[in-house]
Amino acid sequence: MARDLTVVLQDRPGELARLGQATGQAGLNIQGMCAITGEGKGVIHLLFDDNDATTAHNALEEAGMGVADDREVLVIDVTDQPGTLGGMARALGEANVNIELAYTTFGGIKLVIATDDLDSARAALE
């Protein structure tokens, strides 16, 4: 299992470094990440193995960064070819699963998906 932690930071130089230092000093490996800025804020999604999520949450809190959300996500092996995203998203849509968040992992071809119905998403993608 995998977990996505959402951290909201100020949009200013050094904030992502501070986040990376906090997780690194805790001995945590970030498996994937998505970072978006707007309206003076940076919204960062961090992917951790399920067994590292509590340690990550604590390390971020101790560094003065609140965790806005902590949720289980699917990490799906995908084929690196045209149409893969469309086919996967179509299967989820036909199962009435709404994709709330999607990003890729580091070091491989995997897609991270957050949805309010993980069981239906798993079934639709099998």
N, C-alpha and C. Protein backbone atom coordinates (compact mmCIF):
# COMPACT_ATOMS: atom_id res chain seq x y z
N MET A 1 0.84 -1.19 0.00
CA MET A 1 0.00 0.00 0.00
C MET A 1 0.88 1.24 0.00
N ALA A 2 0.29 2.33 -0.46
CA ALA A 2 1.01 3.60 -0.52
C ALA A 2 0.11 4.70 0.01
N ARG A 3 0.76 5.76 0.48
CA ARG A 3 0.03 6.90 1.03
C ARG A 3 0.53 8.18 0.40
N ASP A 4 -0.39 9.10 0.17
CA ASP A 4 -0.08 10.43 -0.33
C ASP A 4 -0.29 11.41 0.81
N LEU A 5 0.75 12.17 1.12
CA LEU A 5 0.66 13.23 2.12
C LEU A 5 0.65 14.56 1.39
N THR A 6 -0.28 15.43 1.74
CA THR A 6 -0.37 16.76 1.14
C THR A 6 0.16 17.77 2.15
N VAL A 7 1.11 18.57 1.70
CA VAL A 7 1.71 19.61 2.53
C VAL A 7 1.51 20.94 1.82
N VAL A 8 1.06 21.96 2.54
CA VAL A 8 0.90 23.29 1.97
C VAL A 8 1.98 24.19 2.55
N LEU A 9 2.80 24.75 1.67
CA LEU A 9 3.92 25.61 2.07
C LEU A 9 3.72 27.02 1.51
N GLN A 10 4.51 27.93 1.98
CA GLN A 10 4.57 29.26 1.38
C GLN A 10 5.32 29.14 0.05
N ASP A 11 4.91 29.88 -0.95
CA ASP A 11 5.58 29.87 -2.26
C ASP A 11 6.75 30.84 -2.20
N ARG A 12 7.89 30.34 -1.67
CA ARG A 12 9.08 31.17 -1.56
C ARG A 12 10.32 30.28 -1.62
N PRO A 13 11.45 30.85 -1.98
CA PRO A 13 12.68 30.06 -2.11
C PRO A 13 13.02 29.33 -0.82
N GLY A 14 13.44 28.06 -0.97
CA GLY A 14 13.92 27.28 0.15
C GLY A 14 12.90 26.38 0.82
N GLU A 15 11.63 26.56 0.54
CA GLU A 15 10.61 25.75 1.21
C GLU A 15 10.68 24.28 0.82
N LEU A 16 10.86 24.01 -0.47
CA LEU A 16 10.96 22.62 -0.90
C LEU A 16 12.23 21.98 -0.35
N ALA A 17 13.30 22.76 -0.26
CA ALA A 17 14.54 22.25 0.34
C ALA A 17 14.31 21.89 1.80
N ARG A 18 13.58 22.72 2.51
CA ARG A 18 13.28 22.45 3.92
C ARG A 18 12.48 21.15 4.06
N LEU A 19 11.53 20.96 3.17
CA LEU A 19 10.73 19.74 3.17
C LEU A 19 11.63 18.52 2.89
N GLY A 20 12.49 18.64 1.88
CA GLY A 20 13.39 17.55 1.54
C GLY A 20 14.36 17.22 2.66
N GLN A 21 14.83 18.24 3.34
CA GLN A 21 15.74 18.01 4.47
C GLN A 21 15.02 17.30 5.62
N ALA A 22 13.79 17.69 5.90
CA ALA A 22 13.04 17.08 6.99
C ALA A 22 12.81 15.59 6.73
N THR A 23 12.42 15.25 5.51
CA THR A 23 12.17 13.84 5.21
C THR A 23 13.49 13.07 5.11
N GLY A 24 14.52 13.71 4.56
CA GLY A 24 15.82 13.06 4.44
C GLY A 24 16.45 12.77 5.79
N GLN A 25 16.38 13.73 6.70
CA GLN A 25 16.94 13.53 8.04
C GLN A 25 16.21 12.43 8.80
N ALA A 26 14.95 12.21 8.44
CA ALA A 26 14.18 11.13 9.07
C ALA A 26 14.45 9.78 8.40
N GLY A 27 15.32 9.78 7.38
CA GLY A 27 15.66 8.55 6.68
C GLY A 27 14.59 8.05 5.74
N LEU A 28 13.75 8.96 5.26
CA LEU A 28 12.63 8.58 4.41
C LEU A 28 12.95 8.79 2.94
N ASN A 29 12.48 7.86 2.12
CA ASN A 29 12.62 7.98 0.68
C ASN A 29 11.28 8.37 0.08
N ILE A 30 11.22 9.51 -0.58
CA ILE A 30 10.00 9.95 -1.26
C ILE A 30 9.90 9.14 -2.55
N GLN A 31 8.79 8.44 -2.74
CA GLN A 31 8.60 7.57 -3.90
C GLN A 31 8.10 8.32 -5.13
N GLY A 32 7.41 9.44 -4.92
CA GLY A 32 6.86 10.25 -6.01
C GLY A 32 6.45 11.59 -5.45
N MET A 33 6.26 12.56 -6.34
CA MET A 33 5.93 13.91 -5.87
C MET A 33 5.23 14.70 -6.95
N CYS A 34 4.36 15.59 -6.51
CA CYS A 34 3.70 16.56 -7.38
C CYS A 34 3.73 17.88 -6.63
N ALA A 35 4.16 18.94 -7.30
CA ALA A 35 4.23 20.26 -6.65
C ALA A 35 3.57 21.30 -7.56
N ILE A 36 2.65 22.06 -6.99
CA ILE A 36 1.91 23.08 -7.73
C ILE A 36 1.91 24.35 -6.90
N THR A 37 2.11 25.49 -7.54
CA THR A 37 2.06 26.76 -6.82
C THR A 37 0.93 27.63 -7.35
N GLY A 38 0.44 28.51 -6.48
CA GLY A 38 -0.59 29.46 -6.86
C GLY A 38 -1.04 30.24 -5.65
N GLU A 39 -1.38 31.49 -5.87
CA GLU A 39 -1.89 32.36 -4.82
C GLU A 39 -0.98 32.39 -3.59
N GLY A 40 0.34 32.35 -3.83
CA GLY A 40 1.30 32.46 -2.74
C GLY A 40 1.55 31.20 -1.95
N LYS A 41 0.97 30.09 -2.38
CA LYS A 41 1.12 28.82 -1.68
C LYS A 41 1.71 27.78 -2.63
N GLY A 42 2.36 26.79 -2.03
CA GLY A 42 2.82 25.62 -2.76
C GLY A 42 2.12 24.41 -2.18
N VAL A 43 1.43 23.67 -3.04
CA VAL A 43 0.75 22.45 -2.61
C VAL A 43 1.60 21.29 -3.10
N ILE A 44 2.10 20.50 -2.15
CA ILE A 44 3.02 19.41 -2.45
C ILE A 44 2.36 18.09 -2.08
N HIS A 45 2.34 17.17 -3.02
CA HIS A 45 1.87 15.81 -2.75
C HIS A 45 3.10 14.91 -2.72
N LEU A 46 3.24 14.14 -1.64
CA LEU A 46 4.39 13.26 -1.45
C LEU A 46 3.91 11.83 -1.33
N LEU A 47 4.54 10.93 -2.06
CA LEU A 47 4.19 9.52 -2.02
C LEU A 47 5.19 8.77 -1.14
N PHE A 48 4.66 8.04 -0.18
CA PHE A 48 5.46 7.22 0.72
C PHE A 48 4.89 5.82 0.78
N ASP A 49 5.76 4.84 1.05
CA ASP A 49 5.27 3.50 1.37
C ASP A 49 4.42 3.63 2.62
N ASP A 50 3.42 2.79 2.72
CA ASP A 50 2.48 2.84 3.84
C ASP A 50 3.20 2.79 5.20
N ASN A 51 4.24 1.96 5.30
CA ASN A 51 4.92 1.83 6.60
C ASN A 51 5.79 3.04 6.94
N ASP A 52 6.02 3.96 6.00
CA ASP A 52 6.79 5.17 6.26
C ASP A 52 5.92 6.41 6.49
N ALA A 53 4.63 6.30 6.24
CA ALA A 53 3.75 7.47 6.27
C ALA A 53 3.69 8.14 7.65
N THR A 54 3.61 7.38 8.71
CA THR A 54 3.54 7.97 10.05
C THR A 54 4.82 8.70 10.38
N THR A 55 5.97 8.10 10.05
CA THR A 55 7.26 8.75 10.29
C THR A 55 7.36 10.03 9.47
N ALA A 56 6.90 10.00 8.23
CA ALA A 56 6.91 11.19 7.38
C ALA A 56 6.04 12.28 7.96
N HIS A 57 4.85 11.91 8.36
CA HIS A 57 3.91 12.87 8.96
C HIS A 57 4.57 13.54 10.16
N ASN A 58 5.16 12.74 11.04
CA ASN A 58 5.81 13.28 12.24
C ASN A 58 6.99 14.18 11.89
N ALA A 59 7.82 13.77 10.93
CA ALA A 59 8.99 14.56 10.54
C ALA A 59 8.58 15.92 9.97
N LEU A 60 7.54 15.92 9.18
CA LEU A 60 7.06 17.18 8.59
C LEU A 60 6.47 18.09 9.66
N GLU A 61 5.70 17.52 10.57
CA GLU A 61 5.13 18.31 11.67
C GLU A 61 6.23 18.91 12.55
N GLU A 62 7.25 18.10 12.87
CA GLU A 62 8.35 18.58 13.70
C GLU A 62 9.13 19.70 13.03
N ALA A 63 9.14 19.72 11.69
CA ALA A 63 9.83 20.77 10.94
C ALA A 63 8.94 22.00 10.73
N GLY A 64 7.76 21.99 11.33
CA GLY A 64 6.86 23.13 11.22
C GLY A 64 6.01 23.15 9.97
N MET A 65 5.90 22.01 9.31
CA MET A 65 5.07 21.90 8.11
C MET A 65 3.89 21.01 8.43
N GLY A 66 2.71 21.56 8.38
CA GLY A 66 1.53 20.76 8.66
C GLY A 66 1.17 19.88 7.48
N VAL A 67 0.64 18.71 7.79
CA VAL A 67 0.15 17.80 6.76
C VAL A 67 -1.35 18.05 6.62
N ALA A 68 -1.75 18.57 5.46
CA ALA A 68 -3.14 18.93 5.23
C ALA A 68 -4.01 17.71 4.94
N ASP A 69 -3.41 16.65 4.38
CA ASP A 69 -4.17 15.46 4.05
C ASP A 69 -3.23 14.27 4.03
N ASP A 70 -3.75 13.11 4.39
CA ASP A 70 -3.01 11.85 4.40
C ASP A 70 -4.00 10.80 3.94
N ARG A 71 -3.75 10.23 2.75
CA ARG A 71 -4.73 9.30 2.21
C ARG A 71 -4.05 8.14 1.49
N GLU A 72 -4.74 7.01 1.49
CA GLU A 72 -4.27 5.86 0.73
C GLU A 72 -4.48 6.14 -0.75
N VAL A 73 -3.53 5.74 -1.57
CA VAL A 73 -3.62 5.92 -3.02
C VAL A 73 -3.26 4.61 -3.71
N LEU A 74 -3.65 4.52 -4.96
CA LEU A 74 -3.24 3.39 -5.81
C LEU A 74 -1.97 3.78 -6.54
N VAL A 75 -1.06 2.85 -6.67
CA VAL A 75 0.13 3.04 -7.50
C VAL A 75 0.08 1.95 -8.56
N ILE A 76 -0.10 2.36 -9.80
CA ILE A 76 -0.42 1.45 -10.89
C ILE A 76 0.73 1.38 -11.89
N ASP A 77 1.13 0.16 -12.24
CA ASP A 77 2.09 -0.01 -13.34
C ASP A 77 1.39 0.37 -14.64
N VAL A 78 2.03 1.22 -15.42
CA VAL A 78 1.46 1.62 -16.71
C VAL A 78 2.47 1.35 -17.82
N THR A 79 1.95 1.17 -19.01
CA THR A 79 2.78 0.95 -20.18
C THR A 79 3.16 2.30 -20.77
N ASP A 80 4.40 2.45 -21.13
CA ASP A 80 4.90 3.71 -21.70
C ASP A 80 4.62 3.73 -23.19
N GLN A 81 3.35 4.03 -23.52
CA GLN A 81 2.95 4.11 -24.92
C GLN A 81 1.73 5.01 -25.05
N PRO A 82 1.52 5.57 -26.24
CA PRO A 82 0.37 6.45 -26.45
C PRO A 82 -0.96 5.75 -26.14
N GLY A 83 -1.84 6.45 -25.48
CA GLY A 83 -3.18 5.95 -25.20
C GLY A 83 -3.35 5.25 -23.87
N THR A 84 -2.24 5.00 -23.17
CA THR A 84 -2.33 4.28 -21.89
C THR A 84 -3.18 5.06 -20.88
N LEU A 85 -2.90 6.34 -20.74
CA LEU A 85 -3.67 7.15 -19.78
C LEU A 85 -5.15 7.17 -20.16
N GLY A 86 -5.44 7.35 -21.44
CA GLY A 86 -6.84 7.38 -21.88
C GLY A 86 -7.58 6.10 -21.57
N GLY A 87 -6.94 4.96 -21.83
CA GLY A 87 -7.59 3.68 -21.56
C GLY A 87 -7.83 3.45 -20.09
N MET A 88 -6.83 3.78 -19.27
CA MET A 88 -6.97 3.61 -17.83
C MET A 88 -8.06 4.54 -17.28
N ALA A 89 -8.03 5.78 -17.70
CA ALA A 89 -9.03 6.74 -17.22
C ALA A 89 -10.43 6.36 -17.70
N ARG A 90 -10.53 5.83 -18.90
CA ARG A 90 -11.83 5.38 -19.42
C ARG A 90 -12.38 4.24 -18.57
N ALA A 91 -11.52 3.27 -18.21
CA ALA A 91 -11.96 2.14 -17.38
C ALA A 91 -12.46 2.63 -16.03
N LEU A 92 -11.77 3.60 -15.45
CA LEU A 92 -12.22 4.16 -14.17
C LEU A 92 -13.53 4.93 -14.34
N GLY A 93 -13.64 5.73 -15.39
CA GLY A 93 -14.86 6.48 -15.63
C GLY A 93 -16.07 5.57 -15.83
N GLU A 94 -15.87 4.48 -16.57
CA GLU A 94 -16.96 3.54 -16.79
C GLU A 94 -17.37 2.84 -15.50
N ALA A 95 -16.45 2.77 -14.54
CA ALA A 95 -16.77 2.20 -13.22
C ALA A 95 -17.28 3.28 -12.26
N ASN A 96 -17.53 4.47 -12.80
CA ASN A 96 -18.03 5.61 -12.02
C ASN A 96 -17.05 6.03 -10.92
N VAL A 97 -15.74 5.92 -11.20
CA VAL A 97 -14.70 6.33 -10.27
C VAL A 97 -14.15 7.67 -10.74
N ASN A 98 -14.18 8.66 -9.86
CA ASN A 98 -13.66 9.99 -10.17
C ASN A 98 -12.20 10.09 -9.71
N ILE A 99 -11.31 10.44 -10.63
CA ILE A 99 -9.90 10.62 -10.29
C ILE A 99 -9.75 12.02 -9.69
N GLU A 100 -9.30 12.08 -8.45
CA GLU A 100 -9.14 13.34 -7.75
C GLU A 100 -7.73 13.88 -7.83
N LEU A 101 -6.75 13.01 -8.09
CA LEU A 101 -5.35 13.38 -8.13
C LEU A 101 -4.61 12.33 -8.93
N ALA A 102 -3.68 12.75 -9.77
CA ALA A 102 -2.85 11.80 -10.50
C ALA A 102 -1.47 12.42 -10.71
N TYR A 103 -0.44 11.61 -10.47
CA TYR A 103 0.93 12.03 -10.75
C TYR A 103 1.78 10.78 -10.92
N THR A 104 3.00 10.94 -11.37
CA THR A 104 3.86 9.78 -11.59
C THR A 104 4.88 9.64 -10.47
N THR A 105 5.49 8.46 -10.41
CA THR A 105 6.49 8.16 -9.39
C THR A 105 7.88 8.46 -9.91
N PHE A 106 8.85 8.40 -9.02
CA PHE A 106 10.25 8.51 -9.39
C PHE A 106 10.76 7.13 -9.79
N GLY A 107 11.65 7.07 -10.76
CA GLY A 107 12.37 5.84 -11.07
C GLY A 107 11.57 4.74 -11.72
N GLY A 108 10.51 5.05 -12.37
CA GLY A 108 9.75 3.99 -13.03
C GLY A 108 8.53 4.53 -13.70
N ILE A 109 7.79 3.65 -14.31
CA ILE A 109 6.58 4.06 -15.01
C ILE A 109 5.39 3.57 -14.20
N LYS A 110 5.00 4.42 -13.26
CA LYS A 110 3.86 4.12 -12.40
C LYS A 110 3.03 5.39 -12.26
N LEU A 111 1.74 5.22 -12.15
CA LEU A 111 0.83 6.34 -11.98
C LEU A 111 0.19 6.24 -10.61
N VAL A 112 0.18 7.34 -9.88
CA VAL A 112 -0.43 7.43 -8.56
C VAL A 112 -1.81 8.04 -8.74
N ILE A 113 -2.82 7.41 -8.17
CA ILE A 113 -4.20 7.89 -8.32
C ILE A 113 -4.86 7.98 -6.95
N ALA A 114 -5.49 9.11 -6.68
CA ALA A 114 -6.32 9.28 -5.49
C ALA A 114 -7.76 9.36 -5.95
N THR A 115 -8.62 8.67 -5.25
CA THR A 115 -10.05 8.67 -5.56
C THR A 115 -10.82 8.41 -4.28
N ASP A 116 -12.10 8.73 -4.29
CA ASP A 116 -12.92 8.48 -3.11
C ASP A 116 -13.46 7.05 -3.09
N ASP A 117 -13.10 6.25 -4.10
CA ASP A 117 -13.59 4.87 -4.17
C ASP A 117 -12.48 3.94 -4.66
N LEU A 118 -11.52 3.66 -3.77
CA LEU A 118 -10.37 2.83 -4.13
C LEU A 118 -10.77 1.40 -4.52
N ASP A 119 -11.77 0.84 -3.85
CA ASP A 119 -12.18 -0.52 -4.17
C ASP A 119 -12.70 -0.63 -5.59
N SER A 120 -13.55 0.29 -6.00
CA SER A 120 -14.07 0.27 -7.38
C SER A 120 -12.97 0.55 -8.38
N ALA A 121 -12.03 1.41 -8.01
CA ALA A 121 -10.91 1.70 -8.90
C ALA A 121 -10.06 0.45 -9.11
N ARG A 122 -9.74 -0.25 -8.02
CA ARG A 122 -8.95 -1.48 -8.14
C ARG A 122 -9.67 -2.49 -9.04
N ALA A 123 -10.97 -2.66 -8.81
CA ALA A 123 -11.73 -3.63 -9.59
C ALA A 123 -11.77 -3.23 -11.07
N ALA A 124 -11.91 -1.96 -11.35
CA ALA A 124 -12.00 -1.50 -12.74
C ALA A 124 -10.69 -1.69 -13.49
N LEU A 125 -9.57 -1.67 -12.77
CA LEU A 125 -8.27 -1.77 -13.41
C LEU A 125 -7.70 -3.19 -13.44
N GLU A 126 -8.40 -4.14 -12.85
CA GLU A 126 -7.90 -5.53 -12.87
C GLU A 126 -8.12 -6.18 -14.20
